Protein backbone atom coordinates (compact mmCIF):
# COMPACT_ATOMS: atom_id res chain seq x y z
CA UNK A 1 0.09 -0.03 -0.08
CA UNK A 2 3.00 2.35 0.70
CA UNK A 3 4.28 1.74 -2.83
CA UNK A 4 0.76 2.65 -4.24
CA UNK A 5 0.40 5.80 -2.12
CA UNK A 6 3.75 6.98 -3.14
CA UNK A 7 3.97 6.17 -6.79
CA UNK A 8 0.22 6.59 -8.10
CA UNK A 9 0.20 10.24 -7.65
CA UNK A 10 3.31 10.64 -9.87
CA UNK A 11 1.33 9.59 -12.90
CA UNK A 12 4.29 7.61 -14.30
CA UNK A 13 4.03 4.57 -16.56
CA UNK A 14 3.89 1.52 -14.02
CA UNK A 15 2.81 -2.06 -14.44
CA UNK A 16 2.80 -5.25 -12.12
CA UNK A 17 4.17 -8.50 -13.30
CA UNK A 18 0.90 -10.50 -13.73
CA UNK A 19 2.10 -11.69 -17.25
CA UNK A 20 -0.54 -14.58 -17.28
CA UNK A 21 -3.01 -11.87 -18.39
CA UNK A 22 -1.30 -11.99 -21.75
CA UNK A 23 -1.38 -15.86 -22.29
CA UNK A 24 -3.23 -16.22 -25.59
CA UNK A 25 -5.60 -18.69 -24.23
CA UNK A 26 -6.44 -16.58 -21.41
CA UNK A 27 -6.82 -13.70 -23.56
CA UNK A 28 -9.57 -15.50 -25.52
CA UNK A 29 -11.38 -16.36 -22.42
CA UNK A 30 -11.45 -12.70 -21.41
CA UNK A 31 -12.73 -11.57 -24.68
CA UNK A 32 -15.48 -14.52 -24.81
CA UNK A 33 -16.59 -13.44 -21.27
CA UNK A 34 -16.70 -9.83 -22.35
CA UNK A 35 -18.92 -11.01 -25.35
CA UNK A 36 -21.31 -12.77 -22.90
CA UNK A 37 -21.05 -15.97 -24.78
CA UNK A 38 -21.63 -18.01 -21.60
CA UNK A 39 -23.64 -15.57 -19.68
CA UNK A 40 -22.98 -14.46 -16.19
CA UNK A 41 -20.14 -16.48 -14.62
CA UNK A 42 -21.39 -18.76 -11.86
CA UNK A 43 -18.40 -20.96 -11.17
CA UNK A 44 -14.56 -20.81 -11.85
CA UNK A 45 -12.27 -23.74 -11.47
CA UNK A 46 -8.43 -22.99 -11.65
CA UNK A 47 -5.46 -25.29 -11.70
CA UNK A 48 -1.82 -24.28 -11.11
CA UNK A 49 0.46 -27.40 -10.85
CA UNK A 50 4.08 -26.57 -11.27
CA UNK A 51 6.45 -29.18 -12.37
CA UNK A 52 9.71 -28.53 -10.46
CA UNK A 53 10.02 -27.87 -6.89
CA UNK A 54 11.86 -24.75 -6.54
CA UNK A 55 15.07 -24.75 -4.29
CA UNK A 56 14.50 -24.51 -0.39
CA UNK A 57 16.60 -21.29 -0.32
CA UNK A 58 14.35 -19.51 -2.77
CA UNK A 59 11.20 -20.83 -0.86
CA UNK A 60 12.36 -19.50 2.32
CA UNK A 61 12.44 -15.92 0.87
CA UNK A 62 9.42 -16.15 -1.57
CA UNK A 63 6.60 -15.05 0.82
CA UNK A 64 4.89 -18.49 0.66
CA UNK A 65 2.96 -20.28 -1.90
CA UNK A 66 -0.19 -17.94 -1.64
CA UNK A 67 1.99 -14.78 -2.34
CA UNK A 68 4.36 -16.25 -4.75
CA UNK A 69 2.29 -18.84 -6.73
CA UNK A 70 -1.28 -18.57 -6.09
CA UNK A 71 -1.28 -14.87 -6.36
CA UNK A 72 -1.06 -14.83 -10.04
CA UNK A 73 -4.29 -16.77 -10.25
CA UNK A 74 -5.87 -14.22 -7.80
CA UNK A 75 -5.21 -11.67 -10.34
CA UNK A 76 -6.36 -13.81 -13.19
CA UNK A 77 -9.53 -14.63 -11.35
CA UNK A 78 -10.17 -10.80 -10.92
CA UNK A 79 -9.09 -10.16 -14.58
CA UNK A 80 -11.27 -12.81 -16.24
CA UNK A 81 -14.58 -12.21 -14.02
CA UNK A 82 -14.23 -8.54 -14.03
CA UNK A 83 -15.33 -9.12 -10.21
CA UNK A 84 -13.86 -8.97 -6.85
CA UNK A 85 -13.00 -11.65 -4.11
CA UNK A 86 -14.79 -11.03 -0.87
CA UNK A 87 -13.88 -14.11 1.14
CA UNK A 88 -11.49 -16.97 0.79
CA UNK A 89 -10.81 -20.28 2.56
CA UNK A 90 -7.60 -22.23 2.28
CA UNK A 91 -6.28 -25.49 3.33
CA UNK A 92 -2.64 -26.80 2.43
CA UNK A 93 0.14 -29.27 3.32
CA UNK A 94 3.81 -29.66 2.85
CA UNK A 95 3.57 -32.88 1.15
CA UNK A 96 6.15 -32.75 -1.54
CA UNK A 97 9.00 -31.00 0.54
CA UNK A 98 7.95 -31.59 4.24
CA UNK A 99 10.70 -29.18 5.48
CA UNK A 100 8.43 -26.37 4.26
CA UNK A 101 6.20 -26.82 7.40
CA UNK A 102 9.19 -25.67 9.53
CA UNK A 103 8.98 -22.23 7.80
CA UNK A 104 5.05 -22.16 8.03
CA UNK A 105 4.62 -22.73 4.38
CA UNK A 106 2.94 -25.27 2.13
CA UNK A 107 3.48 -26.81 -1.24
CA UNK A 108 0.03 -28.27 -1.87
CA UNK A 109 -3.18 -26.40 -1.38
CA UNK A 110 -6.82 -25.89 -2.28
CA UNK A 111 -8.66 -22.61 -2.13
CA UNK A 112 -12.40 -21.64 -2.25
CA UNK A 113 -13.17 -18.02 -3.07
CA UNK A 114 -16.62 -16.21 -3.03
CA UNK A 115 -17.02 -13.34 -5.55
CA UNK A 116 -18.84 -10.11 -4.92
CA UNK A 117 -21.27 -10.84 -7.69
CA UNK A 118 -22.00 -14.25 -6.19
CA UNK A 119 -19.85 -16.57 -8.29
CA UNK A 120 -17.81 -19.35 -6.68
CA UNK A 121 -14.26 -20.23 -7.50
CA UNK A 122 -11.85 -22.97 -6.67
CA UNK A 123 -8.05 -23.02 -6.96
CA UNK A 124 -5.59 -25.87 -6.49
CA UNK A 125 -1.86 -25.19 -6.38
CA UNK A 126 1.10 -27.85 -6.07
CA UNK A 127 4.88 -26.98 -6.32
CA UNK A 128 5.65 -30.36 -8.23
CA UNK A 129 4.24 -32.78 -10.32
CA UNK A 130 5.34 -36.05 -12.29
CA UNK A 131 3.85 -34.95 -15.60
CA UNK A 132 5.00 -31.46 -16.57
CA UNK A 133 3.56 -28.09 -16.04
CA UNK A 134 -0.13 -28.07 -15.64
CA UNK A 135 -2.36 -24.82 -15.91
CA UNK A 136 -5.98 -24.80 -16.68
CA UNK A 137 -9.00 -22.57 -16.09
CA UNK A 138 -12.64 -23.29 -16.70
CA UNK A 139 -15.48 -20.80 -16.50
CA UNK A 140 -18.93 -22.08 -16.11
CA UNK A 141 -22.20 -19.85 -17.00
CA UNK A 142 -25.85 -20.64 -17.82
CA UNK A 143 -25.22 -20.62 -21.51
CA UNK A 144 -21.93 -22.93 -21.46
CA UNK A 145 -18.55 -23.53 -20.44
CA UNK A 146 -15.27 -21.78 -21.39
CA UNK A 147 -11.86 -23.53 -20.99
CA UNK A 148 -8.22 -22.65 -21.28
CA UNK A 149 -7.05 -26.17 -21.07
CA UNK A 150 -3.37 -27.59 -20.40
CA UNK A 151 -1.30 -27.21 -23.34
CA UNK A 152 1.13 -29.73 -24.84
CA UNK A 153 4.76 -28.76 -25.59
CA UNK A 154 5.71 -28.64 -29.53
CA UNK A 155 6.20 -31.74 -30.96
CA UNK A 156 4.82 -34.46 -33.04
CA UNK A 157 2.15 -37.45 -32.47
CA UNK A 158 3.30 -41.15 -33.21
CA UNK A 159 0.48 -43.49 -34.16
CA UNK A 160 1.87 -47.12 -34.11
CA UNK A 161 -0.45 -50.08 -34.34
CA UNK A 162 -2.59 -49.98 -31.29
CA UNK A 163 -0.74 -47.15 -29.43
CA UNK A 164 -0.55 -43.48 -29.79
CA UNK A 165 2.29 -41.23 -28.16
CA UNK A 166 1.53 -37.63 -28.04
CA UNK A 167 3.74 -34.61 -26.72
CA UNK A 168 3.43 -34.16 -23.13
CA UNK A 169 2.87 -31.10 -21.27
CA UNK A 170 5.67 -28.08 -21.03
CA UNK A 171 8.46 -29.37 -18.85
CA UNK A 172 8.39 -26.21 -16.66
CA UNK A 173 6.38 -23.11 -15.94
CA UNK A 174 8.66 -20.68 -17.82
CA UNK A 175 8.32 -22.76 -21.11
CA UNK A 176 4.44 -22.59 -20.73
CA UNK A 177 4.23 -18.81 -20.14
CA UNK A 178 7.32 -17.29 -21.86
CA UNK A 179 5.48 -15.61 -24.70
CA UNK A 180 3.13 -13.88 -22.34
CA UNK A 181 6.16 -11.89 -20.71
CA UNK A 182 6.89 -10.39 -24.30
CA UNK A 183 3.24 -9.57 -25.04
CA UNK A 184 3.17 -8.00 -21.43
CA UNK A 185 6.13 -5.87 -22.17
CA UNK A 186 4.89 -5.03 -25.63
CA UNK A 187 1.56 -3.88 -24.03
CA UNK A 188 3.43 -1.70 -21.53
CA UNK A 189 5.51 -0.08 -24.07
CA UNK A 190 2.43 0.93 -25.99
CA UNK A 191 0.73 2.24 -22.68
CA UNK A 192 3.86 4.06 -22.04
CA UNK A 193 3.39 5.87 -25.44
CA UNK A 194 -0.07 6.96 -24.62
CA UNK A 195 -2.04 4.03 -26.06
CA UNK A 196 -5.14 2.90 -23.91
CA UNK A 197 -4.48 -0.73 -22.85
CA UNK A 198 -7.14 -1.88 -20.37
CA UNK A 199 -5.63 -5.26 -19.93
CA UNK A 200 -2.44 -3.87 -18.38
CA UNK A 201 -2.21 -4.74 -14.71
CA UNK A 202 -1.43 -1.74 -12.52
CA UNK A 203 -0.50 -0.84 -9.03
CA UNK A 204 -4.20 -1.04 -7.76
CA UNK A 205 -4.35 -4.60 -9.40
CA UNK A 206 -1.05 -5.87 -7.40
CA UNK A 207 -2.60 -4.34 -4.27
CA UNK A 208 -6.04 -6.19 -4.77
CA UNK A 209 -4.22 -9.43 -5.42
CA UNK A 210 -2.11 -8.95 -2.40
CA UNK A 211 -5.06 -8.54 -0.37
CA UNK A 212 -6.43 -11.87 -1.39
CA UNK A 213 -3.19 -13.61 -0.73
CA UNK A 214 -2.91 -11.95 2.90
CA UNK A 215 -6.36 -13.37 3.37
CA UNK A 216 -5.59 -16.73 1.96
CA UNK A 217 -2.46 -16.77 4.42
CA UNK A 218 -4.78 -15.99 7.38
CA UNK A 219 -6.93 -18.62 6.40
CA UNK A 220 -4.30 -21.16 6.35
CA UNK A 221 -3.34 -20.35 9.65
CA UNK A 222 -6.98 -20.30 11.22
CA UNK A 223 -8.60 -22.92 9.48
CA UNK A 224 -11.59 -20.79 8.35
CA UNK A 225 -13.08 -18.54 5.98
CA UNK A 226 -11.45 -14.91 5.84
CA UNK A 227 -12.69 -11.78 4.51
CA UNK A 228 -10.71 -9.82 1.98
CA UNK A 229 -9.72 -6.51 3.04
CA UNK A 230 -11.84 -4.14 0.93
CA UNK A 231 -10.00 -1.33 -1.17
CA UNK A 232 -11.02 2.18 -1.80
């Protein structure tokens, strides 16, 4: 909040690193929602399953899974629905790396979130998988379902007799989202040149996602629903 209070009045170009807004599939979700293709969103399901456990030295200073990993999906939830989170419930465990429990963190978690407009959302996170980087989002409305599904890495499919071998998921998170960084940077440059870019995440977007993350941390500690601090 101090950063926002100091920087916002200056009127200088600034953005927050929520690059997943610029993933091509997530962008299509946003456009379809804006067009009213499925009607008012009622249910959101999100999956973020990283493939490789980060080093413990990094995890000690990362701020924890809610502030480091899940926060990107808190922003995506706001971005895709055009709505705000009011309450959150989180539960998690240090299953992949038990040492995390000693620093008050988790590597596997499930969150339930209630939106101001009444929609419900669910997010599950893991720090490591055995099958590659897995990121999925599903939006349910009265007129249908929109999905941004898991994506396979580039490659070929082998059909041989009774078997089929297809490319697997991307091996890590950066391989999956790399292009979104370039799209984010391009958008920021255009915005700095005076073009209006409504998708660009700003300081208040960062503050609102941080408020959700802090409520999620409290929920992990208290084992109950926690209200998200409202922002003016």
